[in-house]
Amino acid sequence: DLKVLPYWGHSSDRKVLRQCFNPRKLYSYNAPFHVAVTSYQILVQDESYLKRVKWQYLILDEAQVT
């Protein structure tokens, strides 16, 4: 039942996706997403937006980067 938000794409695409980050709608069963998937590169690029969310868990896996 988990909803996944694929957070990638061009900056304009991610701007639209950030509308799901509304704290009044998060942290519940009916939230727009329960899991966000992104890359470390986008995390760094959009840090100012992503650090506004009170994440319960943050898992980074960049094993494919050599």
PDB file of N, CA and C in Angstrom:
ATOM      1  N   ASP A   1       0.800  -1.201   0.000  1.00  0.00           N
ATOM      2  CA  ASP A   1       0.000   0.000   0.000  1.00  0.00           C
ATOM      3  C   ASP A   1       0.851   1.276   0.000  1.00  0.00           C
ATOM      4  N   LEU A   2       2.178   1.119  -0.011  1.00  0.00           N
ATOM      5  CA  LEU A   2       3.035   2.304  -0.014  1.00  0.00           C
ATOM      6  C   LEU A   2       3.008   2.993  -1.367  1.00  0.00           C
ATOM      7  N   LYS A   3       2.928   4.301  -1.338  1.00  0.00           N
ATOM      8  CA  LYS A   3       2.967   5.108  -2.560  1.00  0.00           C
ATOM      9  C   LYS A   3       4.387   5.634  -2.727  1.00  0.00           C
ATOM     10  N   VAL A   4       4.919   5.498  -3.931  1.00  0.00           N
ATOM     11  CA  VAL A   4       6.295   5.887  -4.213  1.00  0.00           C
ATOM     12  C   VAL A   4       6.299   7.139  -5.091  1.00  0.00           C
ATOM     13  N   LEU A   5       7.153   8.097  -4.722  1.00  0.00           N
ATOM     14  CA  LEU A   5       7.337   9.309  -5.512  1.00  0.00           C
ATOM     15  C   LEU A   5       8.705   9.228  -6.181  1.00  0.00           C
ATOM     16  N   PRO A   6       8.754   9.021  -7.507  1.00  0.00           N
ATOM     17  CA  PRO A   6      10.037   9.032  -8.198  1.00  0.00           C
ATOM     18  C   PRO A   6      10.473  10.486  -8.406  1.00  0.00           C
ATOM     19  N   TYR A   7      11.417  10.936  -7.608  1.00  0.00           N
ATOM     20  CA  TYR A   7      11.821  12.344  -7.612  1.00  0.00           C
ATOM     21  C   TYR A   7      13.072  12.510  -8.475  1.00  0.00           C
ATOM     22  N   TRP A   8      12.846  12.691  -9.771  1.00  0.00           N
ATOM     23  CA  TRP A   8      13.935  12.963 -10.702  1.00  0.00           C
ATOM     24  C   TRP A   8      13.366  13.680 -11.901  1.00  0.00           C
ATOM     25  N   GLY A   9      14.189  13.931 -12.883  1.00  0.00           N
ATOM     26  CA  GLY A   9      13.767  14.673 -14.065  1.00  0.00           C
ATOM     27  C   GLY A   9      14.396  16.053 -14.099  1.00  0.00           C
ATOM     28  N   HIS A  10      13.949  16.854 -15.031  1.00  0.00           N
ATOM     29  CA  HIS A  10      14.440  18.227 -15.141  1.00  0.00           C
ATOM     30  C   HIS A  10      13.976  19.048 -13.937  1.00  0.00           C
ATOM     31  N   SER A  11      14.609  20.178 -13.726  1.00  0.00           N
ATOM     32  CA  SER A  11      14.261  21.021 -12.576  1.00  0.00           C
ATOM     33  C   SER A  11      12.794  21.424 -12.610  1.00  0.00           C
ATOM     34  N   SER A  12      12.238  21.648 -13.796  1.00  0.00           N
ATOM     35  CA  SER A  12      10.816  22.012 -13.889  1.00  0.00           C
ATOM     36  C   SER A  12       9.921  20.841 -13.484  1.00  0.00           C
ATOM     37  N   ASP A  13      10.330  19.621 -13.823  1.00  0.00           N
ATOM     38  CA  ASP A  13       9.575  18.424 -13.414  1.00  0.00           C
ATOM     39  C   ASP A  13       9.610  18.266 -11.897  1.00  0.00           C
ATOM     40  N   ARG A  14      10.790  18.464 -11.313  1.00  0.00           N
ATOM     41  CA  ARG A  14      10.925  18.323  -9.868  1.00  0.00           C
ATOM     42  C   ARG A  14      10.175  19.413  -9.121  1.00  0.00           C
ATOM     43  N   LYS A  15      10.066  20.577  -9.723  1.00  0.00           N
ATOM     44  CA  LYS A  15       9.300  21.662  -9.103  1.00  0.00           C
ATOM     45  C   LYS A  15       7.837  21.241  -8.939  1.00  0.00           C
ATOM     46  N   VAL A  16       7.296  20.574  -9.939  1.00  0.00           N
ATOM     47  CA  VAL A  16       5.919  20.069  -9.859  1.00  0.00           C
ATOM     48  C   VAL A  16       5.814  18.983  -8.785  1.00  0.00           C
ATOM     49  N   LEU A  17       6.800  18.093  -8.734  1.00  0.00           N
ATOM     50  CA  LEU A  17       6.780  17.012  -7.737  1.00  0.00           C
ATOM     51  C   LEU A  17       6.863  17.544  -6.317  1.00  0.00           C
ATOM     52  N   ARG A  18       7.553  18.658  -6.120  1.00  0.00           N
ATOM     53  CA  ARG A  18       7.698  19.222  -4.767  1.00  0.00           C
ATOM     54  C   ARG A  18       6.373  19.685  -4.179  1.00  0.00           C
ATOM     55  N   GLN A  19       5.344  19.816  -4.984  1.00  0.00           N
ATOM     56  CA  GLN A  19       4.028  20.161  -4.453  1.00  0.00           C
ATOM     57  C   GLN A  19       3.521  19.067  -3.513  1.00  0.00           C
ATOM     58  N   CYS A  20       4.049  17.861  -3.656  1.00  0.00           N
ATOM     59  CA  CYS A  20       3.684  16.747  -2.768  1.00  0.00           C
ATOM     60  C   CYS A  20       4.334  16.870  -1.406  1.00  0.00           C
ATOM     61  N   PHE A  21       5.277  17.805  -1.230  1.00  0.00           N
ATOM     62  CA  PHE A  21       6.010  17.940   0.021  1.00  0.00           C
ATOM     63  C   PHE A  21       5.273  18.757   1.064  1.00  0.00           C
ATOM     64  N   ASN A  22       4.017  19.058   0.857  1.00  0.00           N
ATOM     65  CA  ASN A  22       3.234  19.840   1.798  1.00  0.00           C
ATOM     66  C   ASN A  22       3.154  19.104   3.138  1.00  0.00           C
ATOM     67  N   PRO A  23       3.735  19.687   4.217  1.00  0.00           N
ATOM     68  CA  PRO A  23       3.765  18.971   5.504  1.00  0.00           C
ATOM     69  C   PRO A  23       2.387  18.655   6.074  1.00  0.00           C
ATOM     70  N   ARG A  24       1.365  19.390   5.680  1.00  0.00           N
ATOM     71  CA  ARG A  24       0.020  19.098   6.184  1.00  0.00           C
ATOM     72  C   ARG A  24      -0.539  17.819   5.581  1.00  0.00           C
ATOM     73  N   LYS A  25       0.041  17.384   4.456  1.00  0.00           N
ATOM     74  CA  LYS A  25      -0.460  16.188   3.781  1.00  0.00           C
ATOM     75  C   LYS A  25       0.436  14.970   3.994  1.00  0.00           C
ATOM     76  N   LEU A  26       1.608  15.166   4.574  1.00  0.00           N
ATOM     77  CA  LEU A  26       2.542  14.062   4.767  1.00  0.00           C
ATOM     78  C   LEU A  26       2.266  13.333   6.073  1.00  0.00           C
ATOM     79  N   TYR A  27       2.979  12.236   6.276  1.00  0.00           N
ATOM     80  CA  TYR A  27       2.987  11.499   7.544  1.00  0.00           C
ATOM     81  C   TYR A  27       1.652  10.836   7.884  1.00  0.00           C
ATOM     82  N   SER A  28       0.895  10.468   6.881  1.00  0.00           N
ATOM     83  CA  SER A  28      -0.362   9.774   7.141  1.00  0.00           C
ATOM     84  C   SER A  28      -0.573   8.681   6.090  1.00  0.00           C
ATOM     85  N   TYR A  29      -1.532   7.843   6.340  1.00  0.00           N
ATOM     86  CA  TYR A  29      -1.857   6.772   5.397  1.00  0.00           C
ATOM     87  C   TYR A  29      -2.268   7.334   4.042  1.00  0.00           C
ATOM     88  N   ASN A  30      -2.963   8.457   4.039  1.00  0.00           N
ATOM     89  CA  ASN A  30      -3.454   9.063   2.804  1.00  0.00           C
ATOM     90  C   ASN A  30      -2.490  10.087   2.204  1.00  0.00           C
ATOM     91  N   ALA A  31      -1.253  10.082   2.637  1.00  0.00           N
ATOM     92  CA  ALA A  31      -0.257  11.026   2.120  1.00  0.00           C
ATOM     93  C   ALA A  31      -0.068  10.823   0.618  1.00  0.00           C
ATOM     94  N   PRO A  32       0.353  11.868  -0.091  1.00  0.00           N
ATOM     95  CA  PRO A  32       0.571  11.717  -1.531  1.00  0.00           C
ATOM     96  C   PRO A  32       1.686  10.718  -1.860  1.00  0.00           C
ATOM     97  N   PHE A  33       2.615  10.504  -0.928  1.00  0.00           N
ATOM     98  CA  PHE A  33       3.648   9.489  -1.089  1.00  0.00           C
ATOM     99  C   PHE A  33       4.159   9.068   0.279  1.00  0.00           C
ATOM    100  N   HIS A  34       4.711   7.864   0.330  1.00  0.00           N
ATOM    101  CA  HIS A  34       5.303   7.350   1.562  1.00  0.00           C
ATOM    102  C   HIS A  34       6.811   7.148   1.408  1.00  0.00           C
ATOM    103  N   VAL A  35       7.236   6.933   0.175  1.00  0.00           N
ATOM    104  CA  VAL A  35       8.641   6.694  -0.132  1.00  0.00           C
ATOM    105  C   VAL A  35       9.021   7.573  -1.317  1.00  0.00           C
ATOM    106  N   ALA A  36      10.105   8.323  -1.168  1.00  0.00           N
ATOM    107  CA  ALA A  36      10.636   9.119  -2.281  1.00  0.00           C
ATOM    108  C   ALA A  36      11.930   8.474  -2.743  1.00  0.00           C
ATOM    109  N   VAL A  37      12.073   8.319  -4.041  1.00  0.00           N
ATOM    110  CA  VAL A  37      13.270   7.719  -4.616  1.00  0.00           C
ATOM    111  C   VAL A  37      13.948   8.761  -5.487  1.00  0.00           C
ATOM    112  N   THR A  38      15.230   8.994  -5.216  1.00  0.00           N
ATOM    113  CA  THR A  38      15.984   9.965  -5.999  1.00  0.00           C
ATOM    114  C   THR A  38      17.442   9.555  -6.018  1.00  0.00           C
ATOM    115  N   SER A  39      18.272  10.351  -6.640  1.00  0.00           N
ATOM    116  CA  SER A  39      19.709  10.075  -6.683  1.00  0.00           C
ATOM    117  C   SER A  39      20.430  11.034  -5.745  1.00  0.00           C
ATOM    118  N   TYR A  40      21.647  10.663  -5.412  1.00  0.00           N
ATOM    119  CA  TYR A  40      22.448  11.528  -4.548  1.00  0.00           C
ATOM    120  C   TYR A  40      22.694  12.867  -5.233  1.00  0.00           C
ATOM    121  N   GLN A  41      22.906  12.851  -6.536  1.00  0.00           N
ATOM    122  CA  GLN A  41      23.147  14.081  -7.290  1.00  0.00           C
ATOM    123  C   GLN A  41      21.959  15.038  -7.180  1.00  0.00           C
ATOM    124  N   ILE A  42      20.758  14.535  -7.326  1.00  0.00           N
ATOM    125  CA  ILE A  42      19.569  15.396  -7.216  1.00  0.00           C
ATOM    126  C   ILE A  42      19.372  15.831  -5.773  1.00  0.00           C
ATOM    127  N   LEU A  43      19.690  14.961  -4.825  1.00  0.00           N
ATOM    128  CA  LEU A  43      19.616  15.338  -3.417  1.00  0.00           C
ATOM    129  C   LEU A  43      20.490  16.560  -3.158  1.00  0.00           C
ATOM    130  N   VAL A  44      21.692  16.559  -3.702  1.00  0.00           N
ATOM    131  CA  VAL A  44      22.606  17.691  -3.519  1.00  0.00           C
ATOM    132  C   VAL A  44      22.074  18.932  -4.240  1.00  0.00           C
ATOM    133  N   GLN A  45      21.572  18.753  -5.455  1.00  0.00           N
ATOM    134  CA  GLN A  45      21.058  19.880  -6.231  1.00  0.00           C
ATOM    135  C   GLN A  45      19.851  20.537  -5.566  1.00  0.00           C
ATOM    136  N   ASP A  46      18.966  19.733  -4.991  1.00  0.00           N
ATOM    137  CA  ASP A  46      17.719  20.232  -4.419  1.00  0.00           C
ATOM    138  C   ASP A  46      17.739  20.227  -2.895  1.00  0.00           C
ATOM    139  N   GLU A  47      18.915  20.297  -2.324  1.00  0.00           N
ATOM    140  CA  GLU A  47      19.059  20.223  -0.866  1.00  0.00           C
ATOM    141  C   GLU A  47      18.186  21.241  -0.151  1.00  0.00           C
ATOM    142  N   SER A  48      18.126  22.458  -0.659  1.00  0.00           N
ATOM    143  CA  SER A  48      17.352  23.503   0.028  1.00  0.00           C
ATOM    144  C   SER A  48      15.873  23.142   0.135  1.00  0.00           C
ATOM    145  N   TYR A  49      15.356  22.400  -0.825  1.00  0.00           N
ATOM    146  CA  TYR A  49      13.951  21.978  -0.789  1.00  0.00           C
ATOM    147  C   TYR A  49      13.776  20.723   0.059  1.00  0.00           C
ATOM    148  N   LEU A  50      14.678  19.770  -0.128  1.00  0.00           N
ATOM    149  CA  LEU A  50      14.533  18.473   0.532  1.00  0.00           C
ATOM    150  C   LEU A  50      14.787  18.541   2.030  1.00  0.00           C
ATOM    151  N   LYS A  51      15.594  19.482   2.469  1.00  0.00           N
ATOM    152  CA  LYS A  51      15.843  19.556   3.908  1.00  0.00           C
ATOM    153  C   LYS A  51      14.682  20.201   4.667  1.00  0.00           C
ATOM    154  N   ARG A  52      13.711  20.722   3.964  1.00  0.00           N
ATOM    155  CA  ARG A  52      12.518  21.280   4.619  1.00  0.00           C
ATOM    156  C   ARG A  52      11.559  20.186   5.084  1.00  0.00           C
ATOM    157  N   VAL A  53      11.708  19.004   4.513  1.00  0.00           N
ATOM    158  CA  VAL A  53      10.839  17.879   4.863  1.00  0.00           C
ATOM    159  C   VAL A  53      11.431  17.173   6.079  1.00  0.00           C
ATOM    160  N   LYS A  54      10.595  16.814   7.006  1.00  0.00           N
ATOM    161  CA  LYS A  54      11.045  16.074   8.186  1.00  0.00           C
ATOM    162  C   LYS A  54      10.979  14.587   7.843  1.00  0.00           C
ATOM    163  N   TRP A  55      12.052  14.099   7.243  1.00  0.00           N
ATOM    164  CA  TRP A  55      12.113  12.713   6.796  1.00  0.00           C
ATOM    165  C   TRP A  55      12.236  11.788   7.998  1.00  0.00           C
ATOM    166  N   GLN A  56      11.535  10.674   7.950  1.00  0.00           N
ATOM    167  CA  GLN A  56      11.663   9.689   9.017  1.00  0.00           C
ATOM    168  C   GLN A  56      12.899   8.829   8.807  1.00  0.00           C
ATOM    169  N   TYR A  57      13.227   8.531   7.564  1.00  0.00           N
ATOM    170  CA  TYR A  57      14.406   7.746   7.223  1.00  0.00           C
ATOM    171  C   TYR A  57      15.011   8.321   5.946  1.00  0.00           C
ATOM    172  N   LEU A  58      16.311   8.193   5.841  1.00  0.00           N
ATOM    173  CA  LEU A  58      17.018   8.589   4.626  1.00  0.00           C
ATOM    174  C   LEU A  58      18.035   7.500   4.331  1.00  0.00           C
ATOM    175  N   ILE A  59      17.886   6.856   3.195  1.00  0.00           N
ATOM    176  CA  ILE A  59      18.781   5.773   2.804  1.00  0.00           C
ATOM    177  C   ILE A  59      19.427   6.174   1.486  1.00  0.00           C
ATOM    178  N   LEU A  60      20.751   6.202   1.473  1.00  0.00           N
ATOM    179  CA  LEU A  60      21.500   6.551   0.273  1.00  0.00           C
ATOM    180  C   LEU A  60      22.261   5.320  -0.201  1.00  0.00           C
ATOM    181  N   ASP A  61      22.070   4.966  -1.443  1.00  0.00           N
ATOM    182  CA  ASP A  61      22.771   3.827  -2.024  1.00  0.00           C
ATOM    183  C   ASP A  61      23.331   4.251  -3.370  1.00  0.00           C
ATOM    184  N   GLU A  62      24.605   4.482  -3.419  1.00  0.00           N
ATOM    185  CA  GLU A  62      25.275   4.881  -4.648  1.00  0.00           C
ATOM    186  C   GLU A  62      26.303   3.830  -5.038  1.00  0.00           C
ATOM    187  N   ALA A  63      25.973   2.576  -4.855  1.00  0.00           N
ATOM    188  CA  ALA A  63      26.912   1.495  -5.142  1.00  0.00           C
ATOM    189  C   ALA A  63      27.327   1.459  -6.603  1.00  0.00           C
ATOM    190  N   GLN A  64      26.475   1.943  -7.498  1.00  0.00           N
ATOM    191  CA  GLN A  64      26.788   1.894  -8.927  1.00  0.00           C
ATOM    192  C   GLN A  64      27.811   2.944  -9.319  1.00  0.00           C
ATOM    193  N   VAL A  65      28.089   3.943  -8.463  1.00  0.00           N
ATOM    194  CA  VAL A  65      29.043   4.986  -8.770  1.00  0.00           C
ATOM    195  C   VAL A  65      30.436   4.472  -8.427  1.00  0.00           C
ATOM    196  N   THR A  66      31.318   4.529  -9.421  1.00  0.00           N
ATOM    197  CA  THR A  66      32.689   4.056  -9.163  1.00  0.00           C
ATOM    198  C   THR A  66      33.700   5.144  -9.370  1.00  0.00           C
TER     199      THR A  66
END
